[in-house]
Protein backbone atom coordinates (compact mmCIF):
# COMPACT_ATOMS: atom_id res chain seq x y z
CA MET A 1 -9.71 22.95 23.35
CA ALA A 2 -9.46 23.85 19.62
CA GLU A 3 -5.94 24.15 20.54
CA SER A 4 -5.49 20.63 21.97
CA ILE A 5 -7.21 19.37 19.04
CA LYS A 6 -4.99 21.20 16.51
CA ALA A 7 -1.84 19.83 18.20
CA LYS A 8 -3.33 16.23 18.23
CA VAL A 9 -3.99 16.49 14.31
CA ILE A 10 -0.56 17.67 13.69
CA THR A 11 1.03 15.07 15.93
CA LEU A 12 -1.09 12.34 14.24
CA ALA A 13 -0.56 13.59 10.77
CA GLN A 14 3.44 13.86 11.27
CA GLY A 15 3.70 10.38 13.44
CA ASP A 16 1.72 8.51 10.68
CA PRO A 17 1.25 10.23 7.33
CA PHE A 18 -0.50 7.39 5.68
CA LEU A 19 -3.55 8.23 7.77
CA THR A 20 -6.39 9.64 5.61
CA VAL A 21 -7.88 12.96 6.41
CA ASP A 22 -11.04 10.99 7.73
CA GLU A 23 -9.04 8.80 9.89
CA LEU A 24 -7.18 11.89 11.27
CA SER A 25 -10.74 13.39 12.12
CA GLU A 26 -11.95 10.35 13.65
CA ARG A 27 -8.86 10.15 15.92
CA SER A 28 -8.66 13.57 16.87
CA GLY A 29 -12.62 13.83 17.51
CA THR A 30 -13.22 16.45 14.84
CA THR A 31 -14.63 17.01 11.52
CA SER A 32 -12.86 16.33 8.47
CA ARG A 33 -13.28 19.82 7.22
CA TYR A 34 -11.52 21.17 10.57
CA VAL A 35 -8.58 18.74 9.95
CA ARG A 36 -7.87 20.35 6.17
CA THR A 37 -7.97 23.70 7.94
CA ILE A 38 -5.46 22.79 10.64
CA LEU A 39 -3.04 21.26 8.24
CA SER A 40 -3.37 24.14 5.69
CA GLU A 41 -2.75 26.51 8.44
CA ALA A 42 0.39 24.63 9.76
CA GLY A 43 1.48 24.52 6.38
CA LEU A 44 1.35 20.76 6.23
CA SER A 45 0.55 18.61 3.32
CA LEU A 46 0.04 14.72 3.80
CA ASN A 47 1.54 13.81 0.24
CA LYS A 48 4.88 15.89 1.36
CA LEU A 49 4.98 14.27 4.76
CA ARG A 50 4.32 10.78 2.90
CA ARG A 51 7.27 11.47 0.78
CA GLN A 52 9.64 12.46 3.61
CA TYR A 53 8.49 9.53 5.59
CA ALA A 54 9.21 7.23 2.45
CA ARG A 55 12.72 8.82 1.87
CA ARG A 56 13.69 7.97 5.70
CA LEU A 57 12.59 4.23 5.14
CA GLU A 58 14.77 4.08 2.02
CA LYS A 59 17.61 5.60 3.62
CA ARG A 60 17.14 2.90 6.48
CA LEU A 61 16.48 0.31 3.88
CA GLY A 62 19.66 0.98 2.21
CA GLU A 63 21.63 1.03 5.43
CA GLU A 64 20.45 -2.07 6.93
CA ALA A 65 19.88 -4.08 3.86
CA GLY A 66 22.93 -3.67 1.99
CA ASN A 67 23.11 -4.87 -1.72
CA GLU A 68 19.82 -5.68 -2.34
CA PRO A 69 19.04 -7.56 -5.60
CA GLU A 70 15.90 -5.46 -6.11
CA GLN A 71 15.33 -2.01 -6.49
CA ILE A 72 12.70 -1.26 -4.14
CA THR A 73 11.26 2.08 -3.08
CA ALA A 74 8.81 3.40 -0.68
CA GLU A 75 7.16 6.11 -2.62
CA LEU A 76 5.17 5.57 -5.64
CA GLU A 77 7.00 4.12 -8.69
CA ILE A 78 5.30 3.33 -12.16
CA ILE A 79 7.39 1.36 -14.53
CA ARG A 80 6.99 -0.38 -17.70
CA ILE A 81 7.77 -4.24 -17.56
CA THR A 82 6.70 -7.26 -20.04
CA GLY A 83 4.99 -10.37 -18.82
CA LYS A 84 8.14 -12.60 -18.53
CA GLU A 85 9.08 -10.21 -15.38
CA VAL A 86 5.83 -11.07 -13.46
CA HIS A 87 7.19 -14.02 -11.35
CA SER A 88 3.54 -15.33 -10.32
CA SER A 89 1.65 -18.46 -10.98
CA LEU A 90 -1.31 -16.07 -11.11
CA SER A 91 0.11 -14.02 -14.22
CA PRO A 92 -2.15 -14.46 -17.14
CA TRP A 93 0.29 -12.39 -19.76
CA GLY A 94 2.37 -13.52 -22.39
CA ALA A 95 6.18 -13.23 -21.95
CA GLU A 96 6.20 -10.22 -24.28
CA GLU A 97 3.05 -8.32 -23.28
CA LYS A 98 3.87 -4.55 -22.41
CA LEU A 99 2.71 -4.08 -18.64
CA PHE A 100 2.67 -1.23 -16.17
CA GLN A 101 3.88 -2.09 -12.45
CA LEU A 102 2.99 0.26 -10.07
CA SER A 103 4.70 -0.17 -6.48
CA ALA A 104 4.49 1.78 -2.87
CA LEU A 105 4.43 1.70 0.97
CA GLY A 106 0.97 2.13 2.00
CA ARG A 107 -1.44 0.95 4.73
CA ARG A 108 -4.45 -1.20 5.05
CA GLY A 109 -6.14 0.20 8.05
CA ASP A 110 -3.16 0.00 10.89
CA LEU A 111 -1.29 -2.44 8.61
CA LEU A 112 1.80 -1.34 7.18
CA VAL A 113 1.94 -3.04 3.75
CA TYR A 114 3.85 -3.10 0.55
CA GLU A 115 1.95 -3.20 -2.46
CA GLN A 116 2.26 -3.84 -6.16
CA ILE A 117 0.06 -3.86 -9.07
CA VAL A 118 0.57 -5.02 -12.55
CA THR A 119 -1.83 -4.16 -15.35
CA PRO A 120 -1.73 -3.82 -19.15
CA THR A 121 -3.88 -0.62 -19.00
CA SER A 122 -2.94 2.81 -18.46
CA VAL A 123 -3.58 4.37 -14.93
CA THR A 124 -4.59 7.84 -13.71
CA VAL A 125 -2.21 9.23 -10.57
CA CYS A 126 -4.43 11.10 -8.17
CA PRO A 127 -2.92 12.94 -5.22
CA ASP A 128 -5.06 11.72 -2.37
CA TYR A 129 -5.46 7.76 -3.29
CA ILE A 130 -5.56 5.42 -0.42
CA ASN A 131 -4.29 2.32 -1.95
CA LEU A 132 -3.05 1.42 -5.86
CA ARG A 133 -6.44 -0.16 -6.90
CA GLN A 134 -7.78 3.30 -6.76
CA LEU A 135 -5.34 4.37 -9.69
CA LEU A 136 -6.64 1.84 -11.92
CA PRO A 137 -9.48 2.53 -14.39
CA ASN A 138 -12.74 1.65 -12.65
CA GLY A 139 -10.92 1.19 -9.40
CA GLY A 140 -13.91 1.29 -7.12
CA GLU A 141 -15.82 -1.41 -9.21
CA LEU A 142 -13.17 -4.09 -9.14
CA THR A 143 -13.91 -7.81 -8.20
CA VAL A 144 -11.29 -10.14 -6.77
CA GLY A 145 -11.08 -13.45 -8.52
CA GLU A 146 -8.23 -16.24 -7.68
CA GLN A 147 -6.27 -15.59 -4.78
CA LYS A 148 -2.90 -17.17 -3.37
CA ILE A 149 -0.93 -16.51 -0.07
CA GLU A 150 2.37 -17.43 0.80
CA VAL A 151 4.76 -17.08 3.69
CA VAL A 152 8.12 -15.56 2.29
CA ARG A 153 11.46 -15.93 4.65
CA GLY A 154 14.12 -13.60 4.22
CA SER A 155 12.43 -11.09 2.01
CA SER A 156 14.43 -8.10 1.00
CA LEU A 157 11.32 -6.18 1.93
CA ASN A 158 11.56 -6.82 5.54
CA PRO A 159 13.36 -3.66 6.34
CA LEU A 160 10.97 -1.51 4.64
CA LEU A 161 8.02 -2.98 6.53
CA ALA A 162 9.81 -2.30 9.75
CA LEU A 163 10.68 -6.06 10.32
CA ALA A 164 13.87 -7.95 11.49
CA GLN A 165 15.49 -9.87 8.34
CA SER A 166 14.72 -13.13 10.25
CA GLU A 167 10.97 -12.48 10.30
CA PRO A 168 8.59 -14.15 7.82
CA VAL A 169 6.14 -12.27 5.78
CA PHE A 170 2.89 -12.98 3.95
CA ARG A 171 2.46 -12.44 0.22
CA LEU A 172 -1.04 -12.15 -0.64
CA SER A 173 -1.58 -12.30 -4.39
CA SER A 174 -4.87 -11.31 -5.94
CA VAL A 175 -6.43 -11.32 -9.61
CA LEU A 176 -8.56 -8.06 -9.89
CA LEU A 177 -11.54 -8.19 -12.61
CA ALA A 178 -13.47 -5.62 -14.10
CA GLN A 179 -16.69 -6.71 -15.80
CA GLY A 180 -15.31 -10.46 -15.54
CA GLU A 181 -12.24 -9.80 -17.41
CA ILE A 182 -8.77 -9.62 -15.50
CA ALA A 183 -7.79 -5.94 -15.04
CA ALA A 184 -4.50 -6.52 -12.89
CA LEU A 185 -2.40 -8.51 -10.74
CA GLU A 186 -2.07 -7.36 -7.00
CA ARG A 187 0.42 -8.41 -4.74
CA LEU A 188 0.66 -7.39 -0.84
CA TRP A 189 3.44 -7.99 1.51
CA PHE A 190 3.09 -7.52 5.39
CA GLY A 191 4.23 -9.17 8.51
CA LEU A 192 2.72 -11.83 10.34
CA GLU A 193 2.45 -10.48 13.89
CA GLY A 194 -1.09 -9.12 14.85
CA VAL A 195 -2.60 -10.00 11.63
CA SER A 196 -5.90 -12.06 10.83
CA LEU A 197 -7.31 -13.15 7.73
CA HIS A 198 -11.00 -13.52 7.00
CA TRP A 199 -13.08 -15.02 4.14
CA SER A 200 -16.54 -15.65 4.22
CA ARG A 201 -19.36 -16.86 1.63
CA GLN A 202 -20.84 -13.33 1.33
CA GLU A 203 -17.50 -11.99 0.66
CA THR A 204 -15.20 -13.83 -1.44
CA GLU A 205 -12.36 -11.62 -1.21
CA LEU A 206 -9.90 -12.81 1.45
CA LYS A 207 -9.55 -9.81 3.84
CA VAL A 208 -6.55 -9.02 5.97
CA HIS A 209 -7.05 -7.42 9.29
CA HIS A 210 -4.64 -6.04 11.95
CA THR A 211 -5.52 -7.14 15.11
CA GLY A 212 -2.87 -4.69 17.24
């Protein structure tokens, strides 16, 4: 039995390295501690597997997309930009304000997303982050202000999201607040198929769910 669980954990981790340890344990029917033991004994690192997965996607992006107008990477990238480079109506920053831009391919549950966060504050990179919000100061205490969702056609991100170039994608922009003050602008790109959007009076944030 232990061997079958071990094989399942390794297969799941190699097939989808964006799964967390807790998700791997739930899908394998074992504990998070045992998942870590299996990965360690097999010489596997989720972060290393994610980098390998990202490089494969980047290679495919280069092969399929040709000369893209934007530099897009699947791995976490942090660059310095100015306010004039933030092309969003929700941007609160002046044209010359210095900002950090974080970008990476990730997952929200079973949904593959390309996420981007722009913020004037410095960030802390931790190895086991689940989404880019966690890299912001007080990442677990952020609330969501104004949101905007758009349908984008012919996005240069389509190959990275494993979508045909003709398929439209959603772009969800959210203003992130810390103690009522604007802390960051978050943007998510994801495919339309199998996606449902939920909003309620109890939870003001628009939630994205993958329905399969």
